[in-house]
């Protein structure tokens, strides 16, 4: 693995989407995007028990001719791989659940993540403001309370806490700095499941299938990565 990548779970209309990289690598080569795809697919295969998870390459359009040269070349590598490559996906596909895994460089991934967080916060504030507008809307809020609670629970960011650092010689899951007990529990569960299901072994096996030789000398250890993000 040339560079480790940050993978996180995002909610979608069908369940969840695993997206990487979310900020570890601002610039990537096509080969690194292929490696990210391998790591993301094996993570989903292990923790979600999906034999052949679908992989999408984040782009500005679904056509093969779209995107910059790095993305185009990465698409060619993915089409030639043994992964279940769906093809190019757009930003809207992340939350439609078009694919199990969405791959991009860290710059694009981080912008997409922060934009999504900002949109969610805005929608939440708009909804609260509308329900507080007058006595009638306040009454409607009481009637709609069970639905609102279910909606909030489904999109609760604490349930998705814990970003996985893939590509290291060990399991590293980073929790949000402001995480409460409930959030931290989900991060611990994520790390436990990755260790139990053999994510590292599956990644190594798939790299060999793709003829990507893991370089132990260039692959950071979990300890060194933990020091960098501490």
Protein backbone atom coordinates (compact mmCIF):
# COMPACT_ATOMS: atom_id res chain seq x y z
CA UNK A 1 0.00 0.00 0.00
CA UNK A 2 1.48 3.33 -1.06
CA UNK A 3 -0.65 5.46 1.24
CA UNK A 4 -3.22 4.70 3.94
CA UNK A 5 -6.73 6.07 3.43
CA UNK A 6 -9.53 7.20 5.73
CA UNK A 7 -12.79 5.30 5.26
CA UNK A 8 -16.08 6.18 6.92
CA UNK A 9 -19.68 5.03 6.84
CA UNK A 10 -22.37 7.35 5.49
CA UNK A 11 -26.13 6.70 5.60
CA UNK A 12 -27.98 6.23 2.33
CA UNK A 13 -31.52 5.45 1.18
CA UNK A 14 -30.84 1.70 1.26
CA UNK A 15 -28.51 1.40 4.24
CA UNK A 16 -24.92 2.61 4.31
CA UNK A 17 -22.16 3.69 1.94
CA UNK A 18 -18.47 3.25 2.72
CA UNK A 19 -16.46 6.16 1.32
CA UNK A 20 -12.71 6.68 1.07
CA UNK A 21 -10.43 8.62 1.07
CA UNK A 22 -11.84 11.33 3.30
CA UNK A 23 -8.78 13.47 3.83
CA UNK A 24 -5.54 11.54 4.26
CA UNK A 25 -4.31 12.14 0.68
CA UNK A 26 -5.10 15.37 -1.17
CA UNK A 27 -3.41 14.14 -4.36
CA UNK A 28 -3.54 10.53 -5.54
CA UNK A 29 -2.28 8.45 -8.43
CA UNK A 30 -4.55 6.08 -10.37
CA UNK A 31 -2.75 3.16 -8.72
CA UNK A 32 -3.47 4.54 -5.27
CA UNK A 33 -7.17 4.91 -6.09
CA UNK A 34 -7.16 1.24 -7.13
CA UNK A 35 -5.57 0.36 -3.79
CA UNK A 36 -8.25 2.38 -1.98
CA UNK A 37 -10.91 0.46 -3.89
CA UNK A 38 -9.38 -2.86 -2.84
CA UNK A 39 -9.23 -1.81 0.81
CA UNK A 40 -12.77 -0.41 0.83
CA UNK A 41 -14.24 -3.45 -0.90
CA UNK A 42 -12.55 -5.87 1.48
CA UNK A 43 -13.67 -3.82 4.49
CA UNK A 44 -17.30 -4.03 3.36
CA UNK A 45 -16.92 -7.69 2.45
CA UNK A 46 -15.74 -8.49 5.97
CA UNK A 47 -17.85 -6.29 8.23
CA UNK A 48 -21.06 -6.30 6.16
CA UNK A 49 -20.68 -9.94 5.03
CA UNK A 50 -21.08 -9.13 1.33
CA UNK A 51 -19.24 -11.48 -0.99
CA UNK A 52 -18.75 -9.02 -3.86
CA UNK A 53 -19.53 -5.46 -2.77
CA UNK A 54 -19.98 -2.93 -5.56
CA UNK A 55 -17.38 -0.21 -6.03
CA UNK A 56 -18.00 3.20 -7.59
CA UNK A 57 -15.43 5.81 -8.63
CA UNK A 58 -16.56 9.32 -7.73
CA UNK A 59 -16.61 11.51 -10.83
CA UNK A 60 -18.42 14.46 -12.43
CA UNK A 61 -20.44 12.12 -14.64
CA UNK A 62 -21.17 8.45 -15.20
CA UNK A 63 -19.59 8.32 -18.66
CA UNK A 64 -16.10 6.83 -19.00
CA UNK A 65 -14.86 9.93 -20.84
CA UNK A 66 -15.68 12.24 -17.90
CA UNK A 67 -13.19 13.41 -15.28
CA UNK A 68 -9.53 14.33 -15.12
CA UNK A 69 -6.74 12.07 -16.33
CA UNK A 70 -6.13 10.54 -12.91
CA UNK A 71 -9.77 9.50 -12.55
CA UNK A 72 -9.93 8.22 -16.14
CA UNK A 73 -6.82 6.08 -15.65
CA UNK A 74 -8.12 4.85 -12.29
CA UNK A 75 -11.33 3.82 -14.04
CA UNK A 76 -9.35 1.77 -16.54
CA UNK A 77 -7.47 0.03 -13.73
CA UNK A 78 -10.70 -0.72 -11.88
CA UNK A 79 -12.39 -2.11 -14.99
CA UNK A 80 -9.41 -4.43 -15.46
CA UNK A 81 -9.43 -5.51 -11.80
CA UNK A 82 -11.18 -8.45 -10.14
CA UNK A 83 -13.35 -6.11 -8.06
CA UNK A 84 -17.07 -5.71 -8.66
CA UNK A 85 -16.62 -2.30 -10.29
CA UNK A 86 -19.91 -0.53 -11.01
CA UNK A 87 -18.33 2.38 -12.88
CA UNK A 88 -18.31 6.12 -12.31
CA UNK A 89 -20.73 7.54 -9.76
CA UNK A 90 -21.73 11.11 -8.99
CA UNK A 91 -22.17 12.87 -5.66
CA UNK A 92 -25.89 12.10 -5.58
CA UNK A 93 -25.15 8.37 -5.81
CA UNK A 94 -23.46 8.44 -2.39
CA UNK A 95 -26.81 8.90 -0.65
CA UNK A 96 -28.85 6.91 -3.14
CA UNK A 97 -26.84 3.83 -2.20
CA UNK A 98 -25.89 3.11 -5.80
CA UNK A 99 -22.73 1.29 -4.69
CA UNK A 100 -21.44 -0.18 -1.44
CA UNK A 101 -18.11 1.64 -1.77
CA UNK A 102 -17.30 5.07 -3.21
CA UNK A 103 -13.66 5.83 -4.00
CA UNK A 104 -12.07 9.26 -4.45
CA UNK A 105 -8.98 11.21 -3.45
CA UNK A 106 -8.83 12.79 -0.01
CA UNK A 107 -9.39 16.34 -1.25
CA UNK A 108 -12.65 15.52 -3.02
CA UNK A 109 -13.78 13.16 -0.26
CA UNK A 110 -13.23 15.67 2.52
CA UNK A 111 -15.04 18.44 0.65
CA UNK A 112 -17.96 16.09 -0.07
CA UNK A 113 -18.12 15.02 3.58
CA UNK A 114 -18.00 18.57 5.00
CA UNK A 115 -20.58 19.75 2.46
CA UNK A 116 -22.90 16.92 3.50
CA UNK A 117 -22.45 17.78 7.18
CA UNK A 118 -23.21 21.44 6.51
CA UNK A 119 -26.32 20.59 4.50
CA UNK A 120 -27.58 18.27 7.24
CA UNK A 121 -27.10 20.98 9.88
CA UNK A 122 -28.91 23.55 7.72
CA UNK A 123 -31.86 21.22 7.07
CA UNK A 124 -32.12 20.46 10.79
CA UNK A 125 -32.20 24.17 11.69
CA UNK A 126 -34.75 24.89 8.95
CA UNK A 127 -37.00 22.09 10.22
CA UNK A 128 -36.82 23.29 13.82
CA UNK A 129 -37.52 26.88 12.78
CA UNK A 130 -40.58 25.84 10.76
CA UNK A 131 -42.06 23.84 13.63
CA UNK A 132 -41.57 26.82 15.98
CA UNK A 133 -43.17 29.34 13.61
CA UNK A 134 -46.61 29.51 15.28
CA UNK A 135 -48.96 27.61 17.58
CA UNK A 136 -50.30 25.45 14.74
CA UNK A 137 -46.85 24.30 13.59
CA UNK A 138 -45.91 23.63 17.22
CA UNK A 139 -48.98 21.40 17.50
CA UNK A 140 -47.97 19.61 14.30
CA UNK A 141 -44.52 19.06 15.81
CA UNK A 142 -46.11 17.22 18.73
CA UNK A 143 -48.15 15.05 16.35
CA UNK A 144 -45.09 14.33 14.22
CA UNK A 145 -42.81 13.67 17.20
CA UNK A 146 -42.57 9.86 16.73
CA UNK A 147 -41.63 10.31 13.06
CA UNK A 148 -39.12 13.05 13.91
CA UNK A 149 -37.50 10.86 16.57
CA UNK A 150 -37.18 7.99 14.11
CA UNK A 151 -35.75 10.35 11.49
CA UNK A 152 -33.23 11.76 13.96
CA UNK A 153 -32.20 8.29 15.11
CA UNK A 154 -31.64 7.13 11.53
CA UNK A 155 -29.39 10.09 10.72
CA UNK A 156 -27.72 10.36 14.13
CA UNK A 157 -24.01 10.96 13.33
CA UNK A 158 -23.03 9.23 16.56
CA UNK A 159 -24.14 5.92 15.05
CA UNK A 160 -21.56 6.35 12.28
CA UNK A 161 -18.69 7.49 14.49
CA UNK A 162 -15.33 5.89 13.84
CA UNK A 163 -13.28 6.43 10.69
CA UNK A 164 -11.05 3.51 9.70
CA UNK A 165 -7.43 4.08 8.67
CA UNK A 166 -6.91 1.39 6.03
CA UNK A 167 -3.54 0.41 4.62
CA UNK A 168 -1.68 0.12 7.92
CA UNK A 169 -0.09 -2.88 9.58
CA UNK A 170 -2.79 -2.94 12.21
CA UNK A 171 -6.33 -1.79 13.01
CA UNK A 172 -6.79 1.95 13.62
CA UNK A 173 -10.21 3.57 14.03
CA UNK A 174 -10.30 7.30 14.74
CA UNK A 175 -13.13 8.66 16.85
CA UNK A 176 -14.47 12.21 16.57
CA UNK A 177 -12.84 14.60 19.03
CA UNK A 178 -16.18 15.62 20.54
CA UNK A 179 -17.55 12.08 20.78
CA UNK A 180 -19.73 11.12 23.74
CA UNK A 181 -19.99 7.65 25.29
CA UNK A 182 -22.52 6.45 22.69
CA UNK A 183 -20.35 7.66 19.79
CA UNK A 184 -17.19 6.17 21.25
CA UNK A 185 -18.93 2.82 21.73
CA UNK A 186 -19.67 2.66 18.00
CA UNK A 187 -16.03 3.39 17.18
CA UNK A 188 -14.92 0.58 19.50
CA UNK A 189 -17.45 -1.78 17.90
CA UNK A 190 -16.11 -0.88 14.46
CA UNK A 191 -12.52 -1.62 15.49
CA UNK A 192 -13.54 -4.88 17.17
CA UNK A 193 -15.45 -6.07 14.09
CA UNK A 194 -12.54 -5.23 11.78
CA UNK A 195 -10.16 -7.24 13.95
CA UNK A 196 -12.58 -10.15 14.37
CA UNK A 197 -13.48 -10.43 10.69
CA UNK A 198 -9.88 -10.41 9.43
CA UNK A 199 -9.94 -7.23 7.35
CA UNK A 200 -6.14 -7.00 7.14
CA UNK A 201 -5.83 -10.57 5.87
CA UNK A 202 -8.55 -10.06 3.25
CA UNK A 203 -6.91 -6.87 2.00
CA UNK A 204 -3.57 -8.64 1.65
CA UNK A 205 -5.17 -11.54 -0.22
CA UNK A 206 -6.98 -9.23 -2.64
CA UNK A 207 -3.83 -7.20 -3.27
CA UNK A 208 -2.12 -10.41 -4.33
CA UNK A 209 -5.03 -11.23 -6.68
CA UNK A 210 -4.68 -7.77 -8.23
CA UNK A 211 -0.90 -8.30 -8.48
CA UNK A 212 -0.24 -5.43 -6.09
CA UNK A 213 2.64 -6.47 -3.88
CA UNK A 214 2.34 -5.04 -0.36
CA UNK A 215 5.58 -3.29 0.63
CA UNK A 216 6.07 -3.80 4.35
CA UNK A 217 8.83 -1.19 4.39
CA UNK A 218 6.57 1.55 3.02
CA UNK A 219 3.41 0.54 4.87
CA UNK A 220 3.14 2.48 8.15
CA UNK A 221 2.47 0.61 11.36
CA UNK A 222 -0.66 1.23 13.39
CA UNK A 223 1.51 2.66 16.18
CA UNK A 224 3.18 5.27 13.96
CA UNK A 225 -0.16 6.27 12.45
CA UNK A 226 -1.71 6.65 15.88
CA UNK A 227 1.10 9.02 16.91
CA UNK A 228 0.56 11.15 13.80
CA UNK A 229 -3.18 11.61 14.40
CA UNK A 230 -2.99 11.94 18.19
